[in-house]
Amino acid sequence: MGLWNEEDGFFYDVLKLPDGSQLPMKIRSMVGLIPLFAVETLEPEVLDRLPDFKRRLEWFIDNRPDLTENVACMRTPGRGERRLLSIADQDQLRSILKFMLDEREFLSPYGIRALSQFHRDNPYKLSAHGMEHRVDYEPGESSTGLFGGNSNWRGPIWFPVNYLLVESLQKFHHYLGDNFRVEFPTGSGKDDDPVGGGWGIVAPHDEHFSS
């Protein structure tokens, strides 16, 4: 089951109903960013030292398209002839970063929110069995007593996942290099001058990101 939504360019949870139909739950939350954690690069010298593993890797790529078609290309060498092992390919990464680095969505002055600020004015609603379920943007105390009264994943900034995002982006940079650039923040038109606010994927130490 694919969780990538091509129309929106984001990963969503999918609710599978008893009749077999599937309903993407279009909540822009950390759920859509976590696939970026599944990334690793293979150094060419490591592969050369492991000929049996390299041979099996090539066989896997050639013979199991059913397993490789939904992940990034494992064959094309990147910077330094590295290989990429990643759920998100380059186009998906760019699309996810468009949301993640948008100040109206995930990007705050202090890190990446667990839930997009979009849902402050557009709460997600799901009707099931005559009941309405909602996901609201609540960056502080929850408006209900559920889960002890805190808002959990509904907007706060969580240090551990922010750390993992920085680490993941560094790994993508190991493969993609300096030529892969995105706007920072989204909509600013700045993508080539880290000092002036633009952001290349190599700059997790930027003041905007490490605050």
Protein backbone atom coordinates (compact mmCIF):
# COMPACT_ATOMS: atom_id res chain seq x y z
CA MET A 1 0.00 0.00 0.00
CA GLY A 2 1.54 3.29 -1.08
CA LEU A 3 1.33 6.12 1.45
CA TRP A 4 2.72 8.75 -0.94
CA ASN A 5 0.06 11.13 -2.25
CA GLU A 6 1.16 12.27 -5.68
CA GLU A 7 -1.43 15.04 -5.91
CA ASP A 8 -0.31 16.75 -2.69
CA GLY A 9 3.32 15.61 -2.73
CA PHE A 10 3.28 14.33 0.84
CA PHE A 11 3.11 11.10 2.82
CA TYR A 12 -0.18 10.46 4.65
CA ASP A 13 -1.55 7.77 6.89
CA VAL A 14 -4.11 5.66 5.05
CA LEU A 15 -7.24 4.23 6.67
CA LYS A 16 -8.14 0.85 5.18
CA LEU A 17 -11.88 0.24 5.48
CA PRO A 18 -13.62 -3.14 5.90
CA ASP A 19 -14.82 -3.10 2.27
CA GLY A 20 -11.20 -2.90 1.09
CA SER A 21 -11.31 0.76 0.10
CA GLN A 22 -8.59 3.12 1.28
CA LEU A 23 -8.94 6.62 2.66
CA PRO A 24 -5.85 8.86 2.83
CA MET A 25 -6.01 10.79 6.08
CA LYS A 26 -4.77 14.12 4.83
CA ILE A 27 -3.20 15.37 8.03
CA ARG A 28 0.04 17.26 7.53
CA SER A 29 1.93 16.02 10.53
CA MET A 30 5.27 14.53 11.50
CA VAL A 31 3.94 11.32 9.91
CA GLY A 32 4.73 12.84 6.51
CA LEU A 33 8.28 13.83 7.53
CA ILE A 34 9.33 10.61 9.26
CA PRO A 35 9.93 8.77 5.94
CA LEU A 36 12.95 11.05 5.52
CA PHE A 37 14.56 9.23 8.46
CA ALA A 38 14.84 6.09 6.32
CA VAL A 39 17.98 7.15 4.45
CA GLU A 40 21.52 5.87 4.26
CA THR A 41 24.37 6.22 1.82
CA LEU A 42 26.75 3.46 0.78
CA GLU A 43 30.34 4.54 0.28
CA PRO A 44 31.94 3.05 -2.89
CA GLU A 45 35.02 1.87 -1.01
CA VAL A 46 32.81 -0.01 1.44
CA LEU A 47 30.97 -1.74 -1.41
CA ASP A 48 34.29 -2.67 -3.01
CA ARG A 49 35.39 -4.31 0.24
CA LEU A 50 32.17 -6.34 0.33
CA PRO A 51 31.96 -7.99 -3.13
CA ASP A 52 29.38 -10.57 -2.04
CA PHE A 53 27.10 -7.87 -0.65
CA LYS A 54 27.61 -5.75 -3.77
CA ARG A 55 26.70 -8.69 -5.99
CA ARG A 56 23.55 -9.37 -3.97
CA LEU A 57 22.65 -5.69 -4.07
CA GLU A 58 22.90 -5.62 -7.86
CA TRP A 59 20.83 -8.81 -8.08
CA PHE A 60 18.19 -7.30 -5.81
CA ILE A 61 17.99 -4.15 -7.95
CA ASP A 62 17.76 -6.17 -11.18
CA ASN A 63 15.30 -8.82 -10.04
CA ARG A 64 12.99 -7.30 -7.44
CA PRO A 65 11.35 -4.27 -9.08
CA ASP A 66 8.29 -5.03 -6.94
CA LEU A 67 10.33 -3.93 -3.92
CA THR A 68 12.43 -1.17 -5.47
CA GLU A 69 9.80 0.71 -7.47
CA ASN A 70 8.55 2.64 -4.42
CA VAL A 71 11.96 3.77 -3.16
CA ALA A 72 14.68 6.07 -4.47
CA CYS A 73 16.89 4.78 -7.27
CA MET A 74 19.52 2.49 -5.78
CA ARG A 75 21.62 2.26 -8.94
CA THR A 76 22.44 5.85 -9.90
CA PRO A 77 25.66 7.00 -8.21
CA GLY A 78 25.61 10.37 -6.49
CA ARG A 79 28.34 12.63 -5.16
CA GLY A 80 31.51 10.66 -4.62
CA GLU A 81 29.98 7.66 -6.42
CA ARG A 82 27.84 6.96 -3.37
CA ARG A 83 24.69 4.84 -3.56
CA LEU A 84 21.47 5.99 -1.91
CA LEU A 85 19.19 3.82 0.20
CA SER A 86 16.09 5.90 0.85
CA ILE A 87 12.32 5.71 0.87
CA ALA A 88 12.02 9.24 -0.56
CA ASP A 89 13.47 9.98 -3.98
CA GLN A 90 14.82 13.38 -5.03
CA ASP A 91 11.48 14.71 -6.28
CA GLN A 92 9.66 13.54 -3.15
CA LEU A 93 12.34 15.09 -0.95
CA ARG A 94 11.95 18.43 -2.69
CA SER A 95 8.17 18.30 -2.28
CA ILE A 96 8.35 17.36 1.41
CA LEU A 97 10.85 20.14 2.09
CA LYS A 98 8.48 22.62 0.49
CA PHE A 99 6.07 21.90 3.35
CA MET A 100 8.67 21.40 6.05
CA LEU A 101 10.42 24.72 5.39
CA ASP A 102 7.21 26.75 5.07
CA GLU A 103 6.64 29.10 8.01
CA ARG A 104 2.90 28.69 7.51
CA GLU A 105 3.27 24.93 7.82
CA PHE A 106 6.03 23.19 9.83
CA LEU A 107 8.83 25.73 10.12
CA SER A 108 8.86 27.81 13.30
CA PRO A 109 11.57 30.11 14.71
CA TYR A 110 12.50 27.28 17.10
CA GLY A 111 12.40 24.17 14.94
CA ILE A 112 10.03 21.93 13.03
CA ARG A 113 6.51 21.57 14.39
CA ALA A 114 4.95 18.16 14.91
CA LEU A 115 1.77 19.32 13.18
CA SER A 116 1.45 21.87 10.41
CA GLN A 117 0.18 25.27 11.43
CA PHE A 118 -2.18 24.91 8.46
CA HIS A 119 -4.49 22.92 10.74
CA ARG A 120 -4.94 25.86 13.11
CA ASP A 121 -7.50 27.28 10.70
CA ASN A 122 -8.23 24.00 8.91
CA PRO A 123 -8.67 21.20 11.46
CA TYR A 124 -8.83 17.74 9.98
CA LYS A 125 -12.25 16.14 10.42
CA LEU A 126 -13.24 12.52 9.95
CA SER A 127 -16.79 11.25 10.35
CA ALA A 128 -17.18 7.59 11.28
CA HIS A 129 -20.17 5.72 12.73
CA GLY A 130 -22.04 8.95 13.32
CA MET A 131 -19.18 10.57 15.24
CA GLU A 132 -16.85 13.36 14.16
CA HIS A 133 -13.17 13.07 14.99
CA ARG A 134 -10.92 16.12 14.77
CA VAL A 135 -7.24 16.90 14.68
CA ASP A 136 -6.61 20.50 15.72
CA TYR A 137 -3.40 22.50 15.90
CA GLU A 138 -2.73 22.87 19.63
CA PRO A 139 0.90 23.83 20.25
CA GLY A 140 0.46 24.18 24.00
CA GLU A 141 -2.02 22.72 26.43
CA SER A 142 -4.74 20.61 24.89
CA SER A 143 -8.30 21.88 24.86
CA THR A 144 -9.46 18.49 26.19
CA GLY A 145 -8.36 16.23 29.02
CA LEU A 146 -7.32 13.43 26.67
CA PHE A 147 -3.82 11.99 27.20
CA GLY A 148 -3.30 13.92 30.40
CA GLY A 149 -4.25 17.30 28.94
CA ASN A 150 -1.14 17.95 26.86
CA SER A 151 -1.38 18.35 23.10
CA ASN A 152 1.15 15.60 22.33
CA TRP A 153 1.84 15.64 18.60
CA ARG A 154 -0.59 18.43 17.76
CA GLY A 155 1.90 21.20 17.22
CA PRO A 156 4.73 21.25 19.79
CA ILE A 157 8.36 21.14 18.68
CA TRP A 158 10.06 17.90 19.68
CA PHE A 159 13.83 17.98 19.98
CA PRO A 160 14.49 14.28 19.14
CA VAL A 161 12.67 14.33 15.80
CA ASN A 162 14.25 17.66 14.89
CA TYR A 163 17.66 16.10 15.53
CA LEU A 164 16.76 13.12 13.32
CA LEU A 165 15.60 15.46 10.55
CA VAL A 166 18.92 17.32 10.61
CA GLU A 167 20.83 14.03 10.56
CA SER A 168 18.71 12.73 7.67
CA LEU A 169 19.23 15.89 5.61
CA GLN A 170 22.98 15.55 6.09
CA LYS A 171 22.80 12.03 4.65
CA PHE A 172 20.81 13.23 1.66
CA HIS A 173 23.49 15.87 1.15
CA HIS A 174 26.21 13.21 1.16
CA TYR A 175 24.51 11.80 -1.93
CA LEU A 176 22.98 14.83 -3.66
CA GLY A 177 25.75 17.38 -3.05
CA ASP A 178 25.61 21.18 -3.11
CA ASN A 179 23.68 21.45 -6.38
CA PHE A 180 20.47 20.30 -4.76
CA ARG A 181 18.96 23.48 -3.36
CA VAL A 182 15.55 24.52 -2.07
CA GLU A 183 13.95 27.75 -0.94
CA PHE A 184 14.46 28.67 2.68
CA PRO A 185 11.97 29.57 3.87
CA THR A 186 9.48 28.31 1.30
CA GLY A 187 8.10 31.14 -0.78
CA SER A 188 11.03 33.47 -0.10
CA GLY A 189 12.55 33.02 -3.55
CA LYS A 190 15.93 32.51 -1.85
CA ASP A 191 17.71 29.28 -2.69
CA ASP A 192 21.31 30.21 -3.41
CA ASP A 193 22.57 32.38 -0.56
CA PRO A 194 22.65 30.81 2.92
CA VAL A 195 23.84 34.08 4.46
CA GLY A 196 20.89 35.98 3.01
CA GLY A 197 18.32 33.37 4.01
CA GLY A 198 18.57 30.86 1.17
CA TRP A 199 19.27 27.31 2.19
CA GLY A 200 21.12 24.43 0.61
CA ILE A 201 20.53 20.99 2.02
CA VAL A 202 24.03 21.10 3.52
CA ALA A 203 23.21 23.80 6.07
CA PRO A 204 21.46 22.29 9.10
CA HIS A 205 23.58 24.58 11.27
CA ASP A 206 21.83 27.64 9.83
CA GLU A 207 20.59 29.92 12.60
CA HIS A 208 17.00 29.47 11.47
CA PHE A 209 17.25 25.73 11.86
CA SER A 210 19.21 25.46 15.09
CA SER A 211 17.32 28.02 17.17
